[in-house]
N, C-alpha and C. Protein backbone atom coordinates (compact mmCIF):
# COMPACT_ATOMS: atom_id res chain seq x y z
N MET A 1 4.76 -26.40 -12.79
CA MET A 1 5.80 -25.45 -13.65
C MET A 1 7.08 -26.08 -14.02
N LEU A 2 7.56 -26.81 -12.92
CA LEU A 2 8.97 -27.42 -13.04
C LEU A 2 9.05 -28.65 -13.98
N ARG A 3 7.77 -29.30 -13.99
CA ARG A 3 7.58 -30.32 -15.20
C ARG A 3 7.65 -29.99 -16.62
N LEU A 4 6.99 -28.32 -16.77
CA LEU A 4 7.18 -27.91 -18.10
C LEU A 4 8.63 -27.69 -18.30
N ARG A 5 9.63 -26.89 -17.39
CA ARG A 5 10.74 -26.67 -17.56
C ARG A 5 11.46 -27.57 -18.12
N LEU A 6 11.28 -28.97 -17.13
CA LEU A 6 12.05 -30.37 -17.57
C LEU A 6 11.94 -30.49 -18.99
N LEU A 7 10.52 -30.55 -19.21
CA LEU A 7 10.15 -30.97 -20.55
C LEU A 7 10.95 -30.13 -21.74
N ALA A 8 10.87 -28.87 -21.35
CA ALA A 8 11.42 -27.81 -22.37
C ALA A 8 12.86 -28.14 -22.37
N SER A 9 13.44 -28.22 -21.38
CA SER A 9 14.99 -28.44 -21.31
C SER A 9 15.41 -29.75 -22.01
N ALA A 10 14.66 -30.82 -21.63
CA ALA A 10 14.77 -32.20 -22.50
C ALA A 10 14.80 -31.92 -23.96
N ALA A 11 13.83 -31.14 -24.57
CA ALA A 11 13.49 -30.92 -25.92
C ALA A 11 14.91 -30.05 -26.30
N LEU A 12 15.39 -29.32 -25.67
CA LEU A 12 16.55 -28.56 -26.10
C LEU A 12 17.69 -29.39 -26.30
N VAL A 13 17.91 -30.25 -25.10
CA VAL A 13 18.91 -31.40 -25.08
C VAL A 13 18.75 -32.25 -26.56
N LEU A 14 17.67 -32.69 -26.79
CA LEU A 14 17.40 -33.71 -27.91
C LEU A 14 17.55 -32.79 -29.12
N ALA A 15 17.18 -31.58 -29.26
CA ALA A 15 17.11 -30.88 -30.50
C ALA A 15 18.80 -30.63 -30.88
N GLY A 16 19.61 -30.66 -29.88
CA GLY A 16 21.15 -30.57 -30.05
C GLY A 16 21.50 -29.26 -29.63
N SER A 17 20.91 -28.68 -28.52
CA SER A 17 21.59 -27.52 -27.92
C SER A 17 22.86 -27.75 -27.23
N ALA A 18 23.88 -26.92 -26.76
CA ALA A 18 25.18 -27.39 -26.22
C ALA A 18 25.00 -27.83 -24.85
N GLN A 19 23.98 -27.22 -24.02
CA GLN A 19 24.06 -26.96 -22.65
C GLN A 19 22.82 -27.01 -22.12
N LEU A 20 22.56 -28.08 -20.90
CA LEU A 20 21.38 -27.89 -20.17
C LEU A 20 21.47 -26.49 -19.10
N PRO A 21 20.29 -26.01 -19.16
CA PRO A 21 20.21 -25.04 -17.97
C PRO A 21 20.68 -25.63 -16.52
N ALA A 22 21.02 -24.85 -15.94
CA ALA A 22 21.70 -25.07 -14.75
C ALA A 22 20.63 -25.94 -13.63
N HIS A 23 19.39 -25.47 -13.70
CA HIS A 23 18.56 -26.13 -12.86
C HIS A 23 18.20 -27.50 -13.30
N ALA A 24 18.45 -27.81 -14.50
CA ALA A 24 17.87 -29.00 -15.05
C ALA A 24 19.24 -30.20 -15.19
N ALA A 25 20.34 -29.59 -15.07
CA ALA A 25 21.69 -30.52 -15.06
C ALA A 25 21.45 -31.62 -14.07
N GLY A 26 21.24 -31.55 -12.81
CA GLY A 26 21.02 -32.48 -12.04
C GLY A 26 20.22 -33.61 -12.31
N PHE A 27 19.14 -33.33 -13.16
CA PHE A 27 18.20 -34.35 -13.41
C PHE A 27 18.52 -35.26 -14.32
N PHE A 28 19.68 -34.90 -15.20
CA PHE A 28 20.26 -35.82 -16.11
C PHE A 28 21.52 -36.36 -15.92
N SER A 29 21.67 -37.75 -15.17
CA SER A 29 22.75 -38.17 -14.97
C SER A 29 22.90 -39.23 -15.80
N GLY A 30 24.33 -39.38 -16.32
CA GLY A 30 24.49 -40.52 -17.28
C GLY A 30 24.10 -40.08 -18.90
N ALA A 31 23.96 -40.98 -19.65
CA ALA A 31 23.74 -40.83 -21.24
C ALA A 31 22.40 -39.99 -21.54
N ILE A 32 22.21 -39.20 -22.35
CA ILE A 32 21.18 -38.56 -22.73
C ILE A 32 20.34 -39.70 -23.63
N PRO A 33 19.07 -39.92 -23.11
CA PRO A 33 18.39 -40.91 -24.22
C PRO A 33 18.34 -40.42 -25.77
N SER A 34 18.43 -41.48 -26.39
CA SER A 34 18.29 -41.23 -27.93
C SER A 34 17.18 -42.21 -28.39
N PHE A 35 16.59 -41.49 -29.54
CA PHE A 35 15.49 -42.00 -30.43
C PHE A 35 15.53 -42.32 -31.62
N ALA A 36 15.30 -43.48 -32.05
CA ALA A 36 15.50 -43.95 -33.50
C ALA A 36 14.15 -43.40 -34.28
N ILE A 37 14.17 -43.14 -35.40
CA ILE A 37 13.11 -42.65 -36.14
C ILE A 37 12.99 -43.73 -37.44
N PHE A 38 11.99 -44.31 -37.51
CA PHE A 38 11.94 -45.48 -38.43
C PHE A 38 11.11 -45.01 -39.79
N PRO A 39 11.55 -45.27 -40.84
CA PRO A 39 10.69 -44.57 -41.93
C PRO A 39 9.41 -45.17 -41.96
N ALA A 40 8.44 -44.68 -42.51
CA ALA A 40 7.17 -44.99 -42.79
C ALA A 40 6.98 -46.20 -43.77
N ASP A 41 6.10 -47.19 -43.58
CA ASP A 41 5.88 -47.90 -45.03
C ASP A 41 5.56 -47.38 -45.94
N PRO A 42 6.36 -47.74 -47.13
CA PRO A 42 6.12 -47.28 -48.40
C PRO A 42 4.67 -47.35 -48.90
N ALA A 43 4.19 -46.29 -49.61
CA ALA A 43 3.08 -46.38 -50.14
C ALA A 43 2.72 -47.50 -51.42
N PRO A 44 1.51 -48.14 -51.25
CA PRO A 44 1.56 -49.09 -52.22
C PRO A 44 1.23 -48.75 -53.71
N SER A 45 2.09 -49.52 -54.49
CA SER A 45 2.15 -48.68 -56.03
C SER A 45 0.82 -48.91 -56.71
N LEU A 46 0.61 -48.58 -57.54
CA LEU A 46 -0.75 -48.64 -58.47
C LEU A 46 -1.03 -50.02 -58.62
N ASP A 47 0.05 -50.76 -58.99
CA ASP A 47 -0.16 -52.17 -59.34
C ASP A 47 -0.76 -52.99 -58.36
N GLU A 48 -0.27 -52.69 -56.84
CA GLU A 48 -0.69 -53.43 -55.91
C GLU A 48 -2.07 -52.95 -55.47
N ARG A 49 -2.31 -51.68 -55.74
CA ARG A 49 -3.85 -51.30 -55.49
C ARG A 49 -4.86 -51.66 -56.22
N PHE A 50 -4.53 -51.65 -57.62
CA PHE A 50 -5.57 -51.99 -58.56
C PHE A 50 -5.47 -53.44 -59.25
N LEU A 51 -4.14 -53.87 -59.25
CA LEU A 51 -4.26 -55.28 -59.94
C LEU A 51 -4.35 -56.23 -58.88
N HIS A 52 -3.99 -56.22 -57.65
CA HIS A 52 -4.18 -57.25 -56.66
C HIS A 52 -5.41 -56.86 -55.73
N ARG A 53 -6.58 -56.52 -56.41
CA ARG A 53 -7.83 -56.05 -55.58
C ARG A 53 -8.45 -57.47 -55.09
N PRO A 54 -9.30 -57.35 -54.09
CA PRO A 54 -10.01 -58.36 -53.49
C PRO A 54 -10.96 -58.98 -54.53
N GLN A 55 -11.39 -60.09 -54.19
CA GLN A 55 -12.26 -61.02 -55.45
C GLN A 55 -13.77 -60.20 -55.06
N THR A 56 -14.06 -59.68 -53.91
CA THR A 56 -15.40 -59.12 -53.81
C THR A 56 -15.20 -57.35 -53.31
N ALA A 57 -16.19 -56.50 -53.82
CA ALA A 57 -15.94 -55.27 -53.37
C ALA A 57 -16.34 -55.21 -51.82
N PRO A 58 -15.60 -54.08 -51.14
CA PRO A 58 -15.97 -53.61 -49.73
C PRO A 58 -17.66 -53.46 -49.66
N LEU A 59 -18.21 -54.33 -48.95
CA LEU A 59 -19.55 -53.94 -48.52
C LEU A 59 -20.16 -52.73 -48.09
N ALA A 60 -20.97 -51.93 -48.41
CA ALA A 60 -21.72 -50.64 -47.82
C ALA A 60 -22.75 -51.23 -47.24
N PRO A 61 -23.30 -50.45 -46.17
CA PRO A 61 -24.82 -50.70 -45.74
C PRO A 61 -25.62 -50.89 -46.50
N GLY A 62 -26.56 -52.20 -46.22
CA GLY A 62 -27.55 -52.42 -47.02
C GLY A 62 -27.09 -53.30 -48.54
N GLN A 63 -25.93 -53.39 -48.43
CA GLN A 63 -25.22 -54.07 -49.89
C GLN A 63 -25.02 -55.61 -49.13
N GLN A 64 -25.38 -56.32 -50.14
CA GLN A 64 -25.01 -57.90 -50.06
C GLN A 64 -24.42 -58.52 -51.09
N ILE A 65 -23.56 -59.74 -51.07
CA ILE A 65 -23.11 -60.39 -52.18
C ILE A 65 -23.88 -61.49 -52.31
N ALA A 66 -24.52 -61.55 -53.88
CA ALA A 66 -25.51 -62.66 -54.09
C ALA A 66 -25.01 -64.13 -54.55
N ALA A 67 -23.75 -63.78 -55.35
CA ALA A 67 -23.06 -65.31 -55.81
C ALA A 67 -21.71 -64.69 -56.17
N ALA A 68 -20.81 -65.74 -56.61
CA ALA A 68 -19.45 -65.20 -57.04
C ALA A 68 -19.78 -64.30 -58.31
N GLY A 69 -18.92 -63.20 -58.58
CA GLY A 69 -19.01 -62.25 -59.53
C GLY A 69 -20.17 -61.54 -59.59
N THR A 70 -21.11 -61.46 -58.52
CA THR A 70 -22.27 -60.96 -58.46
C THR A 70 -22.16 -59.77 -57.15
N GLN A 71 -22.79 -58.80 -57.45
CA GLN A 71 -22.85 -57.63 -56.29
C GLN A 71 -24.44 -57.24 -56.26
N VAL A 72 -24.90 -57.00 -54.94
CA VAL A 72 -26.11 -56.44 -55.14
C VAL A 72 -26.21 -55.31 -54.07
N GLY A 73 -26.76 -53.98 -54.60
CA GLY A 73 -26.79 -52.85 -53.98
C GLY A 73 -27.32 -51.98 -54.51
N GLN A 74 -27.23 -50.54 -54.05
CA GLN A 74 -27.91 -49.27 -54.93
C GLN A 74 -26.90 -48.76 -55.95
N ALA A 75 -27.94 -48.56 -56.95
CA ALA A 75 -27.43 -47.86 -58.26
C ALA A 75 -27.67 -46.35 -58.11
N SER A 76 -26.90 -45.49 -58.66
CA SER A 76 -27.48 -44.03 -59.02
C SER A 76 -27.11 -43.81 -60.35
N TRP A 77 -27.43 -42.49 -60.67
CA TRP A 77 -26.85 -42.36 -62.24
C TRP A 77 -26.53 -40.83 -62.32
N TYR A 78 -25.65 -40.54 -63.28
CA TYR A 78 -25.00 -39.13 -63.44
C TYR A 78 -25.03 -38.88 -65.07
N GLY A 79 -25.12 -37.56 -65.42
CA GLY A 79 -25.14 -37.14 -66.84
C GLY A 79 -24.88 -35.83 -67.11
N PRO A 80 -26.06 -35.18 -67.21
CA PRO A 80 -26.13 -33.88 -68.01
C PRO A 80 -25.02 -32.79 -67.57
N GLY A 81 -24.66 -32.80 -66.45
CA GLY A 81 -23.57 -31.90 -65.88
C GLY A 81 -22.27 -32.27 -66.31
N PHE A 82 -22.11 -33.57 -66.82
CA PHE A 82 -20.63 -34.07 -66.92
C PHE A 82 -20.20 -34.17 -68.44
N TYR A 83 -21.50 -34.28 -69.57
CA TYR A 83 -21.21 -34.32 -70.66
C TYR A 83 -20.14 -33.33 -71.17
N GLY A 84 -19.32 -33.97 -72.20
CA GLY A 84 -18.14 -33.29 -72.78
C GLY A 84 -17.07 -33.49 -71.78
N GLY A 85 -16.89 -33.96 -70.48
CA GLY A 85 -15.77 -33.96 -69.65
C GLY A 85 -15.21 -35.33 -69.84
N ARG A 86 -14.18 -35.33 -69.20
CA ARG A 86 -13.16 -36.71 -69.30
C ARG A 86 -13.58 -37.67 -68.14
N THR A 87 -13.86 -38.86 -68.41
CA THR A 87 -13.77 -39.90 -67.46
C THR A 87 -12.78 -40.40 -66.91
N ALA A 88 -12.64 -40.86 -65.96
CA ALA A 88 -11.20 -41.46 -65.25
C ALA A 88 -10.46 -42.17 -66.02
N SER A 89 -11.10 -43.01 -66.99
CA SER A 89 -10.55 -43.63 -67.97
C SER A 89 -9.88 -42.86 -69.25
N GLY A 90 -10.40 -41.63 -69.24
CA GLY A 90 -9.75 -40.61 -70.46
C GLY A 90 -10.78 -40.32 -71.52
N GLU A 91 -11.77 -41.23 -71.54
CA GLU A 91 -12.55 -41.05 -72.76
C GLU A 91 -13.57 -39.69 -72.58
N VAL A 92 -14.21 -39.31 -73.51
CA VAL A 92 -15.10 -38.33 -73.27
C VAL A 92 -16.48 -38.83 -72.85
N PHE A 93 -17.06 -38.15 -71.94
CA PHE A 93 -18.42 -38.51 -71.53
C PHE A 93 -19.42 -38.04 -72.33
N ARG A 94 -20.14 -38.89 -73.13
CA ARG A 94 -21.22 -38.45 -74.14
C ARG A 94 -22.69 -38.98 -73.50
N PRO A 95 -23.60 -38.10 -73.94
CA PRO A 95 -25.10 -38.64 -73.55
C PRO A 95 -25.36 -39.97 -74.35
N GLY A 96 -26.53 -40.47 -73.83
CA GLY A 96 -26.92 -41.80 -74.37
C GLY A 96 -25.99 -42.99 -74.19
N THR A 97 -24.98 -43.07 -73.45
CA THR A 97 -24.02 -44.10 -73.45
C THR A 97 -24.24 -45.15 -72.27
N TYR A 98 -24.09 -46.51 -72.76
CA TYR A 98 -24.14 -47.58 -71.71
C TYR A 98 -22.83 -47.82 -70.99
N THR A 99 -22.48 -46.83 -70.07
CA THR A 99 -21.27 -46.78 -69.33
C THR A 99 -21.47 -46.66 -67.91
N ALA A 100 -20.62 -47.01 -67.23
CA ALA A 100 -20.85 -46.82 -65.49
C ALA A 100 -19.43 -46.50 -64.78
N ALA A 101 -19.70 -45.97 -63.64
CA ALA A 101 -18.64 -45.84 -62.70
C ALA A 101 -18.82 -46.68 -61.66
N HIS A 102 -17.60 -47.52 -61.37
CA HIS A 102 -17.50 -48.46 -60.23
C HIS A 102 -16.03 -48.08 -59.43
N ARG A 103 -16.12 -48.45 -58.06
CA ARG A 103 -15.10 -48.24 -57.44
C ARG A 103 -13.65 -49.11 -57.93
N TRP A 104 -13.91 -50.08 -58.38
CA TRP A 104 -12.46 -50.98 -58.31
C TRP A 104 -12.61 -51.95 -59.41
N LEU A 105 -13.59 -52.07 -60.11
CA LEU A 105 -13.69 -53.02 -61.39
C LEU A 105 -12.82 -52.33 -62.41
N PRO A 106 -11.94 -53.06 -63.29
CA PRO A 106 -11.09 -52.42 -64.25
C PRO A 106 -11.92 -51.88 -65.32
N PHE A 107 -11.32 -50.86 -66.06
CA PHE A 107 -11.93 -50.06 -67.06
C PHE A 107 -12.11 -51.13 -68.11
N GLY A 108 -13.22 -51.03 -68.87
CA GLY A 108 -13.50 -51.81 -69.96
C GLY A 108 -14.26 -52.93 -69.61
N THR A 109 -14.51 -53.20 -68.44
CA THR A 109 -15.07 -54.73 -67.84
C THR A 109 -16.75 -54.32 -68.25
N ARG A 110 -17.23 -55.32 -68.83
CA ARG A 110 -18.67 -55.18 -69.05
C ARG A 110 -19.55 -55.77 -67.88
N VAL A 111 -20.54 -55.27 -67.57
CA VAL A 111 -21.33 -55.57 -66.48
C VAL A 111 -22.67 -55.72 -66.71
N ARG A 112 -23.43 -56.77 -66.50
CA ARG A 112 -24.97 -56.65 -66.56
C ARG A 112 -25.49 -56.20 -65.38
N VAL A 113 -26.33 -55.08 -65.33
CA VAL A 113 -26.95 -54.18 -64.48
C VAL A 113 -28.55 -54.84 -64.57
N THR A 114 -28.94 -55.38 -63.59
CA THR A 114 -30.40 -55.58 -63.24
C THR A 114 -31.08 -54.84 -62.30
N ASN A 115 -32.26 -54.11 -62.67
CA ASN A 115 -33.05 -53.26 -61.76
C ASN A 115 -33.82 -54.25 -61.08
N LEU A 116 -33.82 -54.65 -59.77
CA LEU A 116 -34.54 -55.56 -58.86
C LEU A 116 -35.87 -55.15 -58.74
N ASN A 117 -36.04 -53.90 -58.87
CA ASN A 117 -37.50 -53.34 -58.66
C ASN A 117 -38.30 -53.38 -59.91
N ASN A 118 -37.83 -53.59 -61.18
CA ASN A 118 -38.84 -53.75 -62.15
C ASN A 118 -38.25 -54.89 -63.18
N GLY A 119 -36.97 -55.53 -62.73
CA GLY A 119 -36.67 -56.74 -63.72
C GLY A 119 -35.54 -56.34 -65.20
N LEU A 120 -35.89 -54.94 -65.45
CA LEU A 120 -34.95 -54.67 -66.60
C LEU A 120 -33.39 -54.63 -66.26
N SER A 121 -32.88 -54.94 -67.46
CA SER A 121 -31.56 -55.13 -67.42
C SER A 121 -30.77 -54.61 -68.72
N ALA A 122 -29.47 -54.19 -68.39
CA ALA A 122 -28.59 -53.47 -69.33
C ALA A 122 -27.16 -53.94 -69.33
N VAL A 123 -26.40 -54.15 -70.25
CA VAL A 123 -25.02 -54.43 -70.28
C VAL A 123 -24.32 -53.00 -70.30
N VAL A 124 -23.33 -52.47 -69.27
CA VAL A 124 -22.63 -51.44 -69.32
C VAL A 124 -21.24 -51.75 -69.44
N ARG A 125 -20.56 -50.76 -69.71
CA ARG A 125 -19.11 -50.69 -69.57
C ARG A 125 -18.62 -49.83 -68.65
N ILE A 126 -17.35 -50.34 -67.68
CA ILE A 126 -17.01 -49.46 -66.90
C ILE A 126 -15.94 -48.73 -67.32
N ASN A 127 -16.04 -47.26 -67.31
CA ASN A 127 -15.04 -46.38 -67.93
C ASN A 127 -14.89 -45.22 -66.65
N ASP A 128 -15.45 -45.47 -65.63
CA ASP A 128 -15.18 -44.12 -64.70
C ASP A 128 -15.22 -44.76 -63.16
N ARG A 129 -14.61 -43.85 -62.38
CA ARG A 129 -14.69 -44.40 -60.92
C ARG A 129 -15.53 -43.62 -59.93
N GLY A 130 -16.13 -44.43 -59.08
CA GLY A 130 -17.30 -43.76 -58.36
C GLY A 130 -18.04 -45.05 -57.96
N PRO A 131 -19.04 -45.02 -57.30
CA PRO A 131 -19.85 -43.47 -56.86
C PRO A 131 -19.30 -43.11 -55.66
N PHE A 132 -19.18 -41.80 -55.36
CA PHE A 132 -18.62 -41.28 -54.10
C PHE A 132 -19.62 -41.08 -52.82
N THR A 133 -21.07 -41.51 -53.17
CA THR A 133 -21.94 -41.36 -52.35
C THR A 133 -22.18 -42.68 -51.39
N GLY A 134 -22.35 -42.81 -50.26
CA GLY A 134 -22.45 -43.78 -49.29
C GLY A 134 -23.45 -44.65 -49.69
N GLY A 135 -23.18 -45.81 -49.76
CA GLY A 135 -23.95 -47.14 -49.78
C GLY A 135 -24.25 -47.54 -51.24
N ARG A 136 -23.68 -46.77 -52.06
CA ARG A 136 -24.23 -47.06 -53.61
C ARG A 136 -22.83 -47.90 -54.16
N ILE A 137 -23.20 -49.03 -55.14
CA ILE A 137 -22.20 -49.66 -55.68
C ILE A 137 -21.74 -49.24 -57.25
N ILE A 138 -22.84 -48.50 -57.82
CA ILE A 138 -22.55 -48.25 -59.30
C ILE A 138 -23.37 -46.90 -59.88
N ASP A 139 -22.41 -46.23 -60.43
CA ASP A 139 -23.13 -44.96 -61.11
C ASP A 139 -23.34 -45.06 -62.37
N LEU A 140 -24.61 -45.20 -62.80
CA LEU A 140 -24.92 -45.50 -64.33
C LEU A 140 -24.79 -44.34 -65.25
N ALA A 141 -24.42 -44.23 -66.20
CA ALA A 141 -24.64 -43.04 -67.42
C ALA A 141 -25.92 -42.97 -67.63
N HIS A 142 -26.46 -41.81 -67.92
CA HIS A 142 -27.90 -41.47 -68.24
C HIS A 142 -28.37 -42.23 -69.50
N GLY A 143 -27.80 -42.71 -70.31
CA GLY A 143 -28.39 -43.85 -71.37
C GLY A 143 -28.78 -45.07 -70.42
N ALA A 144 -27.82 -45.66 -69.71
CA ALA A 144 -28.10 -47.06 -69.20
C ALA A 144 -29.22 -46.86 -68.05
N ALA A 145 -29.18 -45.68 -67.26
CA ALA A 145 -30.03 -45.42 -66.30
C ALA A 145 -31.45 -45.34 -66.93
N SER A 146 -31.75 -44.75 -68.16
CA SER A 146 -32.83 -44.62 -68.92
C SER A 146 -33.36 -46.08 -69.07
N ALA A 147 -32.46 -46.90 -69.79
CA ALA A 147 -33.12 -48.09 -69.94
C ALA A 147 -33.46 -48.90 -68.79
N LEU A 148 -32.81 -48.69 -67.73
CA LEU A 148 -33.22 -49.43 -66.57
C LEU A 148 -34.35 -48.89 -65.81
N GLY A 149 -34.88 -47.63 -65.99
CA GLY A 149 -35.95 -47.07 -65.39
C GLY A 149 -35.47 -46.49 -64.07
N VAL A 150 -34.24 -45.91 -63.99
CA VAL A 150 -33.65 -45.29 -62.80
C VAL A 150 -33.64 -43.86 -62.66
N THR A 151 -34.05 -43.15 -63.85
CA THR A 151 -33.87 -41.82 -64.10
C THR A 151 -34.95 -40.98 -62.95
N SER A 152 -36.20 -41.63 -63.08
CA SER A 152 -37.17 -40.87 -62.27
C SER A 152 -36.78 -40.93 -60.70
N SER A 153 -36.52 -42.25 -60.36
CA SER A 153 -36.21 -42.26 -58.88
C SER A 153 -34.78 -41.84 -58.30
N GLY A 154 -34.06 -41.83 -59.30
CA GLY A 154 -32.68 -41.37 -58.98
C GLY A 154 -31.72 -42.58 -58.52
N VAL A 155 -32.32 -43.44 -57.90
CA VAL A 155 -31.48 -44.51 -57.11
C VAL A 155 -32.38 -45.97 -57.47
N ALA A 156 -31.71 -47.08 -57.42
CA ALA A 156 -32.64 -48.08 -57.42
C ALA A 156 -31.75 -49.31 -57.01
N GLN A 157 -32.31 -50.52 -56.45
CA GLN A 157 -31.80 -51.63 -55.93
C GLN A 157 -31.34 -52.45 -57.43
N VAL A 158 -30.05 -52.68 -57.36
CA VAL A 158 -29.63 -53.65 -58.58
C VAL A 158 -28.89 -54.84 -58.37
N ARG A 159 -28.74 -55.53 -59.13
CA ARG A 159 -27.67 -56.59 -59.29
C ARG A 159 -26.57 -56.47 -60.31
N LEU A 160 -25.27 -56.76 -59.76
CA LEU A 160 -24.18 -56.36 -60.94
C LEU A 160 -23.75 -57.97 -61.20
N GLU A 161 -23.74 -58.38 -62.23
CA GLU A 161 -23.13 -59.38 -62.91
C GLU A 161 -21.95 -59.27 -63.74
N VAL A 162 -20.77 -59.63 -63.34
CA VAL A 162 -19.55 -59.35 -64.15
C VAL A 162 -19.27 -60.15 -65.35
N LEU A 163 -19.52 -59.70 -66.55
CA LEU A 163 -19.51 -60.51 -67.98
C LEU A 163 -18.04 -60.87 -68.20
N ASP A 164 -17.18 -60.15 -68.26
CA ASP A 164 -15.78 -60.30 -68.78
C ASP A 164 -14.85 -59.15 -67.99
């Protein structure tokens, strides 16, 4: 209980109260300790987060890097519930497009996506951010997913090759 009173008394002193309670005055001899508050590191700017990104994406479980500019992992697809809405790049999401969502590739980047289960491939343009489900490296729009044979299974093991 005494310890609690001392802590409360110290908090009052540090907060700027004028006097210590009589029972605590003997415990504080000399100067009252001071504390410096340092500002937190500033948040990185958009340029630092998106223009100076690593050469390879962070790896999720089951994901591997196959070669420079190439990424291997799981792809999923999205579509009907998002038609007519805006993608992260600002364009309207339309049915049948060969577009995709990637976590860090710049908007407009063209990527060859190859389904490793059946060998089918398609070139997609990155216009959105995602996927936001663990372990996946790309979310394909319905048009690209259909061309790759991913719509029935929902997910597939793919290889991404950045074209530009």
